[in-house]
N, C-alpha and C. Protein backbone atom coordinates (compact mmCIF):
# COMPACT_ATOMS: atom_id res chain seq x y z
N MET A 1 -19.85 -10.34 -2.61
CA MET A 1 -19.86 -11.59 -1.85
C MET A 1 -21.24 -12.21 -2.01
N GLY A 2 -21.24 -13.50 -2.31
CA GLY A 2 -22.49 -14.16 -2.59
C GLY A 2 -23.17 -14.76 -1.37
N LYS A 3 -24.45 -14.97 -1.57
CA LYS A 3 -25.27 -15.63 -0.56
C LYS A 3 -24.80 -17.07 -0.35
N GLU A 4 -24.15 -17.62 -1.39
CA GLU A 4 -23.71 -19.00 -1.32
C GLU A 4 -22.74 -19.24 -0.16
N LEU A 5 -21.82 -18.30 0.07
CA LEU A 5 -20.86 -18.45 1.16
C LEU A 5 -21.58 -18.45 2.50
N ALA A 6 -22.49 -17.50 2.68
CA ALA A 6 -23.24 -17.42 3.93
C ALA A 6 -24.03 -18.71 4.16
N ASP A 7 -24.70 -19.20 3.12
CA ASP A 7 -25.47 -20.45 3.24
C ASP A 7 -24.57 -21.63 3.58
N PHE A 8 -23.41 -21.70 2.94
CA PHE A 8 -22.47 -22.79 3.21
C PHE A 8 -22.00 -22.76 4.66
N LEU A 9 -21.64 -21.58 5.16
CA LEU A 9 -21.16 -21.48 6.53
C LEU A 9 -22.26 -21.84 7.54
N LEU A 10 -23.47 -21.40 7.28
CA LEU A 10 -24.59 -21.77 8.16
C LEU A 10 -24.82 -23.28 8.14
N GLN A 11 -24.74 -23.87 6.97
CA GLN A 11 -24.90 -25.32 6.83
C GLN A 11 -23.81 -26.06 7.62
N GLN A 12 -22.58 -25.57 7.54
CA GLN A 12 -21.48 -26.20 8.27
C GLN A 12 -21.71 -26.12 9.78
N CYS A 13 -22.19 -24.98 10.24
CA CYS A 13 -22.48 -24.84 11.68
C CYS A 13 -23.55 -25.83 12.11
N LYS A 14 -24.59 -25.94 11.29
CA LYS A 14 -25.68 -26.85 11.61
C LYS A 14 -25.19 -28.30 11.63
N GLN A 15 -24.42 -28.70 10.63
CA GLN A 15 -23.90 -30.07 10.56
C GLN A 15 -22.98 -30.39 11.73
N ARG A 16 -22.23 -29.42 12.19
CA ARG A 16 -21.28 -29.64 13.27
C ARG A 16 -21.89 -29.40 14.64
N GLY A 17 -23.12 -28.86 14.66
CA GLY A 17 -23.76 -28.55 15.92
C GLY A 17 -23.02 -27.45 16.67
N SER A 18 -22.50 -26.49 15.94
CA SER A 18 -21.72 -25.42 16.58
C SER A 18 -22.29 -24.06 16.20
N SER A 19 -21.91 -23.07 16.97
CA SER A 19 -22.35 -21.70 16.70
C SER A 19 -21.41 -21.06 15.68
N VAL A 20 -21.84 -19.95 15.09
CA VAL A 20 -20.97 -19.23 14.17
C VAL A 20 -19.76 -18.68 14.91
N ARG A 21 -19.95 -18.34 16.17
CA ARG A 21 -18.83 -17.85 16.99
C ARG A 21 -17.77 -18.94 17.17
N SER A 22 -18.20 -20.15 17.49
CA SER A 22 -17.23 -21.23 17.70
C SER A 22 -16.55 -21.60 16.38
N LEU A 23 -17.27 -21.50 15.27
CA LEU A 23 -16.65 -21.76 13.96
C LEU A 23 -15.52 -20.76 13.73
N SER A 24 -15.77 -19.49 14.02
CA SER A 24 -14.73 -18.46 13.88
C SER A 24 -13.52 -18.79 14.74
N ILE A 25 -13.77 -19.06 16.01
CA ILE A 25 -12.68 -19.30 16.95
C ILE A 25 -11.89 -20.56 16.58
N ASN A 26 -12.60 -21.63 16.24
CA ASN A 26 -11.94 -22.89 15.88
C ASN A 26 -11.12 -22.77 14.60
N ALA A 27 -11.50 -21.85 13.73
CA ALA A 27 -10.74 -21.61 12.50
C ALA A 27 -9.58 -20.65 12.73
N GLY A 28 -9.45 -20.15 13.95
CA GLY A 28 -8.35 -19.24 14.27
C GLY A 28 -8.63 -17.80 13.91
N LEU A 29 -9.91 -17.45 13.84
CA LEU A 29 -10.31 -16.08 13.50
C LEU A 29 -10.92 -15.39 14.72
N SER A 30 -11.12 -14.10 14.61
CA SER A 30 -11.76 -13.39 15.72
C SER A 30 -13.20 -13.89 15.85
N PRO A 31 -13.76 -13.85 17.06
CA PRO A 31 -15.07 -14.46 17.32
C PRO A 31 -16.22 -14.01 16.42
N GLY A 32 -16.21 -12.78 15.95
CA GLY A 32 -17.34 -12.29 15.16
C GLY A 32 -17.17 -12.40 13.66
N THR A 33 -16.06 -12.97 13.19
CA THR A 33 -15.78 -12.99 11.74
C THR A 33 -16.86 -13.71 10.94
N VAL A 34 -17.18 -14.94 11.31
CA VAL A 34 -18.16 -15.71 10.52
C VAL A 34 -19.54 -15.04 10.59
N HIS A 35 -19.92 -14.54 11.75
CA HIS A 35 -21.18 -13.82 11.89
C HIS A 35 -21.24 -12.64 10.92
N ASN A 36 -20.16 -11.88 10.85
CA ASN A 36 -20.12 -10.71 9.96
C ASN A 36 -20.10 -11.11 8.49
N ILE A 37 -19.48 -12.25 8.17
CA ILE A 37 -19.51 -12.74 6.79
C ILE A 37 -20.95 -13.12 6.42
N ILE A 38 -21.62 -13.83 7.31
CA ILE A 38 -23.00 -14.26 7.06
C ILE A 38 -23.93 -13.07 6.91
N LYS A 39 -23.76 -12.07 7.75
CA LYS A 39 -24.60 -10.86 7.69
C LYS A 39 -24.17 -9.91 6.58
N ARG A 40 -23.08 -10.26 5.90
CA ARG A 40 -22.54 -9.48 4.79
C ARG A 40 -22.10 -8.08 5.20
N THR A 41 -21.63 -7.96 6.44
CA THR A 41 -21.08 -6.68 6.90
C THR A 41 -19.56 -6.69 6.82
N TYR A 42 -18.99 -7.81 6.37
CA TYR A 42 -17.54 -7.96 6.29
C TYR A 42 -17.21 -8.72 5.02
N GLN A 43 -16.37 -8.13 4.19
CA GLN A 43 -15.89 -8.82 2.99
C GLN A 43 -14.70 -9.68 3.43
N PRO A 44 -14.85 -11.00 3.38
CA PRO A 44 -13.77 -11.85 3.89
C PRO A 44 -12.49 -11.68 3.08
N THR A 45 -11.38 -11.75 3.78
CA THR A 45 -10.08 -11.71 3.13
C THR A 45 -9.69 -13.11 2.72
N ILE A 46 -8.70 -13.21 1.86
CA ILE A 46 -8.16 -14.52 1.47
C ILE A 46 -7.68 -15.25 2.73
N PHE A 47 -7.08 -14.52 3.64
CA PHE A 47 -6.57 -15.11 4.89
C PHE A 47 -7.71 -15.77 5.67
N SER A 48 -8.82 -15.04 5.87
CA SER A 48 -9.92 -15.62 6.65
C SER A 48 -10.58 -16.77 5.90
N LEU A 49 -10.71 -16.67 4.59
CA LEU A 49 -11.28 -17.77 3.82
C LEU A 49 -10.37 -19.00 3.87
N ASN A 50 -9.07 -18.77 3.80
CA ASN A 50 -8.13 -19.91 3.88
C ASN A 50 -8.20 -20.59 5.24
N ARG A 51 -8.29 -19.80 6.30
CA ARG A 51 -8.41 -20.38 7.65
C ARG A 51 -9.68 -21.22 7.75
N LEU A 52 -10.79 -20.68 7.26
CA LEU A 52 -12.07 -21.41 7.29
C LEU A 52 -11.99 -22.69 6.47
N ALA A 53 -11.43 -22.59 5.27
CA ALA A 53 -11.32 -23.78 4.40
C ALA A 53 -10.48 -24.86 5.06
N ASP A 54 -9.36 -24.46 5.64
CA ASP A 54 -8.49 -25.44 6.28
C ASP A 54 -9.20 -26.12 7.45
N TYR A 55 -9.90 -25.34 8.25
CA TYR A 55 -10.62 -25.91 9.39
C TYR A 55 -11.76 -26.82 8.94
N LEU A 56 -12.49 -26.39 7.92
CA LEU A 56 -13.65 -27.15 7.46
C LEU A 56 -13.28 -28.33 6.57
N GLY A 57 -12.03 -28.37 6.13
CA GLY A 57 -11.59 -29.49 5.30
C GLY A 57 -12.07 -29.41 3.86
N VAL A 58 -12.22 -28.20 3.35
CA VAL A 58 -12.61 -28.02 1.95
C VAL A 58 -11.48 -27.30 1.23
N LYS A 59 -11.49 -27.35 -0.09
CA LYS A 59 -10.47 -26.66 -0.87
C LYS A 59 -10.62 -25.15 -0.70
N ARG A 60 -9.50 -24.49 -0.58
CA ARG A 60 -9.51 -23.04 -0.43
C ARG A 60 -10.23 -22.37 -1.60
N GLN A 61 -9.94 -22.84 -2.81
CA GLN A 61 -10.55 -22.24 -3.99
C GLN A 61 -12.07 -22.34 -3.97
N TYR A 62 -12.59 -23.37 -3.32
CA TYR A 62 -14.05 -23.52 -3.21
C TYR A 62 -14.65 -22.34 -2.43
N LEU A 63 -14.03 -22.00 -1.30
CA LEU A 63 -14.54 -20.85 -0.53
C LEU A 63 -14.29 -19.54 -1.27
N TRP A 64 -13.18 -19.44 -1.98
CA TRP A 64 -12.92 -18.24 -2.77
C TRP A 64 -14.03 -18.06 -3.80
N GLN A 65 -14.43 -19.17 -4.42
CA GLN A 65 -15.49 -19.12 -5.43
C GLN A 65 -16.82 -18.72 -4.79
N LEU A 66 -17.15 -19.32 -3.64
CA LEU A 66 -18.39 -18.98 -2.95
C LEU A 66 -18.42 -17.50 -2.55
N ALA A 67 -17.24 -16.95 -2.23
CA ALA A 67 -17.15 -15.55 -1.83
C ALA A 67 -17.14 -14.61 -3.03
N GLY A 68 -17.10 -15.17 -4.22
CA GLY A 68 -17.11 -14.33 -5.43
C GLY A 68 -15.75 -13.81 -5.82
N LEU A 69 -14.68 -14.36 -5.25
CA LEU A 69 -13.35 -13.86 -5.57
C LEU A 69 -12.82 -14.35 -6.90
N LEU A 70 -13.37 -15.42 -7.42
CA LEU A 70 -12.88 -15.98 -8.68
C LEU A 70 -13.72 -15.57 -9.88
N GLU A 71 -14.75 -14.76 -9.65
CA GLU A 71 -15.58 -14.31 -10.75
C GLU A 71 -14.78 -13.40 -11.66
N ASP A 72 -15.05 -13.48 -12.93
CA ASP A 72 -14.39 -12.65 -13.93
C ASP A 72 -12.88 -12.82 -13.93
N MET A 73 -12.42 -14.00 -13.54
CA MET A 73 -10.99 -14.25 -13.55
C MET A 73 -10.67 -15.36 -14.53
N ASP A 74 -9.57 -15.21 -15.20
CA ASP A 74 -9.07 -16.25 -16.07
C ASP A 74 -7.99 -16.99 -15.28
N TYR A 75 -8.42 -17.85 -14.36
CA TYR A 75 -7.49 -18.51 -13.44
C TYR A 75 -7.80 -19.97 -13.35
N ASP A 76 -6.78 -20.77 -13.49
CA ASP A 76 -6.88 -22.19 -13.21
C ASP A 76 -5.47 -22.70 -12.89
N ALA A 77 -5.32 -23.98 -12.71
CA ALA A 77 -4.03 -24.55 -12.31
C ALA A 77 -2.95 -24.34 -13.36
N LYS A 78 -3.33 -24.09 -14.61
CA LYS A 78 -2.36 -23.92 -15.69
C LYS A 78 -2.03 -22.45 -15.96
N THR A 79 -2.56 -21.54 -15.16
CA THR A 79 -2.33 -20.12 -15.35
C THR A 79 -0.84 -19.81 -15.20
N THR A 80 -0.31 -19.03 -16.13
CA THR A 80 1.09 -18.62 -16.07
C THR A 80 1.17 -17.10 -16.04
N PHE A 81 2.32 -16.60 -15.68
CA PHE A 81 2.54 -15.16 -15.64
C PHE A 81 2.99 -14.68 -17.02
N GLY A 82 2.36 -13.63 -17.50
CA GLY A 82 2.78 -13.03 -18.76
C GLY A 82 4.02 -12.18 -18.58
N ASP A 83 4.22 -11.63 -17.42
CA ASP A 83 5.35 -10.76 -17.13
C ASP A 83 6.39 -11.56 -16.36
N PRO A 84 7.61 -11.70 -16.89
CA PRO A 84 8.63 -12.50 -16.20
C PRO A 84 9.02 -11.92 -14.83
N GLN A 85 8.85 -10.61 -14.64
CA GLN A 85 9.15 -10.01 -13.33
C GLN A 85 8.19 -10.54 -12.27
N LEU A 86 6.91 -10.68 -12.62
CA LEU A 86 5.95 -11.24 -11.67
C LEU A 86 6.34 -12.67 -11.30
N LYS A 87 6.67 -13.45 -12.30
CA LYS A 87 7.06 -14.84 -12.05
C LYS A 87 8.27 -14.89 -11.12
N PHE A 88 9.28 -14.06 -11.39
CA PHE A 88 10.49 -14.03 -10.57
C PHE A 88 10.18 -13.67 -9.12
N HIS A 89 9.44 -12.57 -8.91
CA HIS A 89 9.17 -12.10 -7.55
C HIS A 89 8.25 -13.04 -6.78
N PHE A 90 7.26 -13.58 -7.47
CA PHE A 90 6.36 -14.51 -6.77
C PHE A 90 7.04 -15.84 -6.48
N ALA A 91 7.99 -16.25 -7.32
CA ALA A 91 8.76 -17.46 -7.01
C ALA A 91 9.60 -17.23 -5.76
N GLN A 92 10.14 -16.01 -5.60
CA GLN A 92 10.90 -15.69 -4.39
C GLN A 92 9.97 -15.67 -3.17
N ALA A 93 8.82 -15.06 -3.32
CA ALA A 93 7.86 -14.97 -2.21
C ALA A 93 7.38 -16.36 -1.80
N ASP A 94 7.27 -17.27 -2.75
CA ASP A 94 6.78 -18.61 -2.46
C ASP A 94 7.74 -19.39 -1.56
N LYS A 95 9.00 -18.98 -1.50
CA LYS A 95 10.00 -19.66 -0.67
C LYS A 95 10.04 -19.11 0.76
N LEU A 96 9.31 -18.03 1.03
CA LEU A 96 9.30 -17.43 2.36
C LEU A 96 8.39 -18.20 3.31
N PRO A 97 8.55 -18.00 4.62
CA PRO A 97 7.63 -18.63 5.59
C PRO A 97 6.18 -18.20 5.32
N GLU A 98 5.24 -19.02 5.75
CA GLU A 98 3.82 -18.79 5.47
C GLU A 98 3.35 -17.41 5.93
N THR A 99 3.77 -16.97 7.10
CA THR A 99 3.30 -15.67 7.59
C THR A 99 3.79 -14.54 6.69
N ALA A 100 5.01 -14.64 6.19
CA ALA A 100 5.53 -13.62 5.27
C ALA A 100 4.78 -13.67 3.95
N ARG A 101 4.51 -14.88 3.45
CA ARG A 101 3.74 -15.00 2.20
C ARG A 101 2.34 -14.40 2.36
N ASN A 102 1.70 -14.68 3.51
CA ASN A 102 0.37 -14.13 3.74
C ASN A 102 0.38 -12.61 3.75
N LEU A 103 1.42 -12.02 4.32
CA LEU A 103 1.53 -10.56 4.33
C LEU A 103 1.69 -10.03 2.91
N ILE A 104 2.55 -10.66 2.12
CA ILE A 104 2.75 -10.23 0.73
C ILE A 104 1.46 -10.37 -0.05
N ILE A 105 0.77 -11.46 0.12
CA ILE A 105 -0.50 -11.69 -0.60
C ILE A 105 -1.52 -10.63 -0.21
N SER A 106 -1.60 -10.29 1.08
CA SER A 106 -2.58 -9.28 1.49
C SER A 106 -2.22 -7.91 0.94
N ILE A 107 -0.95 -7.59 0.85
CA ILE A 107 -0.54 -6.31 0.28
C ILE A 107 -0.88 -6.26 -1.21
N VAL A 108 -0.55 -7.32 -1.94
CA VAL A 108 -0.85 -7.37 -3.37
C VAL A 108 -2.36 -7.30 -3.60
N ALA A 109 -3.12 -8.07 -2.83
CA ALA A 109 -4.58 -8.05 -2.97
C ALA A 109 -5.15 -6.67 -2.68
N ALA A 110 -4.64 -6.01 -1.66
CA ALA A 110 -5.11 -4.67 -1.32
C ALA A 110 -4.80 -3.68 -2.45
N MET A 111 -3.62 -3.78 -3.01
CA MET A 111 -3.25 -2.87 -4.09
C MET A 111 -4.10 -3.12 -5.34
N ILE A 112 -4.34 -4.38 -5.65
CA ILE A 112 -5.18 -4.69 -6.82
C ILE A 112 -6.59 -4.15 -6.61
N THR A 113 -7.15 -4.39 -5.44
CA THR A 113 -8.49 -3.88 -5.13
C THR A 113 -8.52 -2.36 -5.23
N TYR A 114 -7.52 -1.73 -4.67
CA TYR A 114 -7.43 -0.26 -4.70
C TYR A 114 -7.37 0.27 -6.13
N LEU A 115 -6.50 -0.32 -6.94
CA LEU A 115 -6.33 0.16 -8.32
C LEU A 115 -7.54 -0.16 -9.18
N GLN A 116 -8.15 -1.32 -8.98
CA GLN A 116 -9.34 -1.67 -9.76
C GLN A 116 -10.53 -0.79 -9.40
N SER A 117 -10.52 -0.24 -8.20
CA SER A 117 -11.63 0.61 -7.79
C SER A 117 -11.44 2.06 -8.23
N GLY A 118 -10.42 2.30 -9.04
CA GLY A 118 -10.22 3.65 -9.57
C GLY A 118 -9.25 4.48 -8.77
N GLY A 119 -8.61 3.89 -7.78
CA GLY A 119 -7.66 4.64 -6.96
C GLY A 119 -6.39 4.94 -7.72
N ARG A 120 -5.59 5.80 -7.14
CA ARG A 120 -4.29 6.13 -7.73
C ARG A 120 -3.22 5.72 -6.72
N VAL A 121 -2.08 5.35 -7.22
CA VAL A 121 -0.95 5.09 -6.34
C VAL A 121 -0.29 6.43 -6.05
N LEU A 122 -0.20 6.79 -4.79
CA LEU A 122 0.41 8.05 -4.39
C LEU A 122 1.87 7.77 -4.04
N HIS A 123 2.76 8.04 -4.97
CA HIS A 123 4.16 7.71 -4.77
C HIS A 123 4.78 8.45 -3.59
N GLU A 124 4.25 9.62 -3.28
CA GLU A 124 4.83 10.37 -2.18
C GLU A 124 4.39 9.84 -0.82
N SER A 125 3.40 8.96 -0.77
CA SER A 125 2.91 8.40 0.49
C SER A 125 3.51 7.03 0.72
N THR A 126 4.16 6.85 1.84
CA THR A 126 4.79 5.59 2.17
C THR A 126 4.25 5.09 3.51
N PHE A 127 3.85 3.83 3.53
CA PHE A 127 3.33 3.23 4.74
C PHE A 127 4.46 3.07 5.75
N SER A 128 4.16 3.33 7.02
CA SER A 128 5.15 3.20 8.08
C SER A 128 4.47 2.65 9.33
N LEU A 129 5.10 1.68 10.00
CA LEU A 129 4.52 1.13 11.21
C LEU A 129 4.42 2.18 12.31
N SER A 130 5.31 3.16 12.31
CA SER A 130 5.31 4.15 13.39
C SER A 130 4.70 5.48 12.99
N GLY A 131 4.42 5.69 11.70
CA GLY A 131 3.89 6.97 11.24
C GLY A 131 2.39 6.98 11.09
N ASP A 132 1.85 8.14 10.73
CA ASP A 132 0.42 8.30 10.48
C ASP A 132 0.10 7.80 9.08
N ASN A 133 -0.69 6.74 8.98
CA ASN A 133 -1.00 6.09 7.71
C ASN A 133 -2.42 6.35 7.24
N THR A 134 -3.10 7.32 7.83
CA THR A 134 -4.49 7.59 7.50
C THR A 134 -4.65 7.74 5.98
N GLY A 135 -5.58 6.96 5.42
CA GLY A 135 -5.88 7.02 3.99
C GLY A 135 -5.04 6.10 3.13
N LEU A 136 -3.97 5.53 3.67
CA LEU A 136 -3.15 4.60 2.90
C LEU A 136 -3.76 3.20 3.00
N MET A 137 -3.40 2.33 2.06
CA MET A 137 -3.87 0.95 2.10
C MET A 137 -3.13 0.21 3.21
N CYS A 138 -3.90 -0.48 4.04
CA CYS A 138 -3.34 -1.25 5.14
C CYS A 138 -2.77 -2.56 4.60
N PRO A 139 -1.52 -2.91 4.94
CA PRO A 139 -0.96 -4.18 4.48
C PRO A 139 -1.45 -5.38 5.28
N PHE A 140 -2.19 -5.16 6.35
CA PHE A 140 -2.64 -6.24 7.21
C PHE A 140 -4.07 -6.66 6.94
N LYS A 141 -4.84 -5.83 6.25
CA LYS A 141 -6.24 -6.10 5.96
C LYS A 141 -6.62 -5.30 4.72
N LEU A 142 -7.59 -5.76 3.95
CA LEU A 142 -7.96 -5.09 2.71
C LEU A 142 -8.84 -3.87 3.00
N ILE A 143 -8.22 -2.85 3.60
CA ILE A 143 -8.95 -1.64 3.95
C ILE A 143 -8.03 -0.44 3.77
N SER A 144 -8.64 0.71 3.68
CA SER A 144 -7.89 1.95 3.75
C SER A 144 -7.75 2.29 5.23
N CYS A 145 -6.58 2.74 5.65
CA CYS A 145 -6.32 2.99 7.07
C CYS A 145 -7.18 4.13 7.60
N ASP A 146 -7.92 3.85 8.66
CA ASP A 146 -8.73 4.86 9.34
C ASP A 146 -8.12 5.24 10.68
N GLU A 147 -7.36 4.34 11.26
CA GLU A 147 -6.81 4.55 12.60
C GLU A 147 -5.64 5.53 12.59
N GLY A 148 -4.86 5.50 11.53
CA GLY A 148 -3.69 6.36 11.44
C GLY A 148 -2.43 5.68 11.90
N TYR A 149 -2.40 5.22 13.14
CA TYR A 149 -1.21 4.60 13.70
C TYR A 149 -1.47 3.13 13.98
N CYS A 150 -0.54 2.28 13.57
CA CYS A 150 -0.72 0.83 13.68
C CYS A 150 -0.99 0.38 15.12
N GLN A 151 -0.37 1.04 16.09
CA GLN A 151 -0.53 0.63 17.48
C GLN A 151 -1.97 0.75 17.94
N LYS A 152 -2.79 1.54 17.26
CA LYS A 152 -4.21 1.71 17.62
C LYS A 152 -5.12 0.75 16.85
N CYS A 153 -4.56 -0.03 15.96
CA CYS A 153 -5.37 -0.82 15.01
C CYS A 153 -5.40 -2.30 15.37
N GLN A 154 -6.59 -2.89 15.41
CA GLN A 154 -6.75 -4.30 15.73
C GLN A 154 -6.13 -5.20 14.66
N ALA A 155 -6.21 -4.80 13.39
CA ALA A 155 -5.62 -5.62 12.32
C ALA A 155 -4.12 -5.78 12.54
N PHE A 156 -3.45 -4.72 12.96
CA PHE A 156 -2.02 -4.77 13.24
C PHE A 156 -1.73 -5.71 14.42
N HIS A 157 -2.52 -5.59 15.47
CA HIS A 157 -2.30 -6.44 16.65
C HIS A 157 -2.58 -7.91 16.34
N ASP A 158 -3.59 -8.18 15.51
CA ASP A 158 -3.85 -9.56 15.09
C ASP A 158 -2.66 -10.11 14.32
N TRP A 159 -2.08 -9.29 13.44
CA TRP A 159 -0.92 -9.71 12.66
C TRP A 159 0.26 -9.99 13.59
N ARG A 160 0.51 -9.11 14.56
CA ARG A 160 1.62 -9.29 15.50
C ARG A 160 1.46 -10.58 16.30
N LEU A 161 0.23 -10.87 16.73
CA LEU A 161 -0.01 -12.10 17.48
C LEU A 161 0.29 -13.31 16.61
N GLY A 162 -0.12 -13.25 15.33
CA GLY A 162 0.13 -14.35 14.40
C GLY A 162 1.61 -14.55 14.14
N GLU A 163 2.40 -13.50 14.23
CA GLU A 163 3.83 -13.56 14.01
C GLU A 163 4.59 -13.95 15.26
N GLY A 164 3.93 -13.91 16.41
CA GLY A 164 4.58 -14.20 17.67
C GLY A 164 5.42 -13.05 18.20
N HIS A 165 5.06 -11.81 17.84
CA HIS A 165 5.82 -10.64 18.29
C HIS A 165 5.39 -10.14 19.64
N ASP A 166 4.21 -10.52 20.12
CA ASP A 166 3.73 -10.02 21.42
C ASP A 166 3.96 -11.04 22.51
């Protein structure tokens, strides 16, 4: 994550006369998110960057670029899928409600991050909302599960609130 994102967010706070806490809250994020991004103690997710971009009125890709997510990528508006299965499944996902698409995107992003970091897919391990998921990739946030059970995890509760389940 680059210094550019932190500088941009600080500049936005200054221009708006608001605190980093209020920027987080107004963007629909937890109060400490922007502070943690600026201090570089939190790698922002696509979800949090999209919320910030929408609130700030900038293109989502601009914040993705500032966060370093587009580095070393061959991506632009003309990018196509080489594998027809990807095209088929992502076309189906694109027709789902936004919350479902966001969940799918976070799962795919987590798996890509996991595999690119040298991880292995453990076919015998299956994520379960009611089971112990310690060490598995969390579908709600780009992290490996430390809590074990979703009911103990803030990422799960944030997702449930966003879905209107609580």
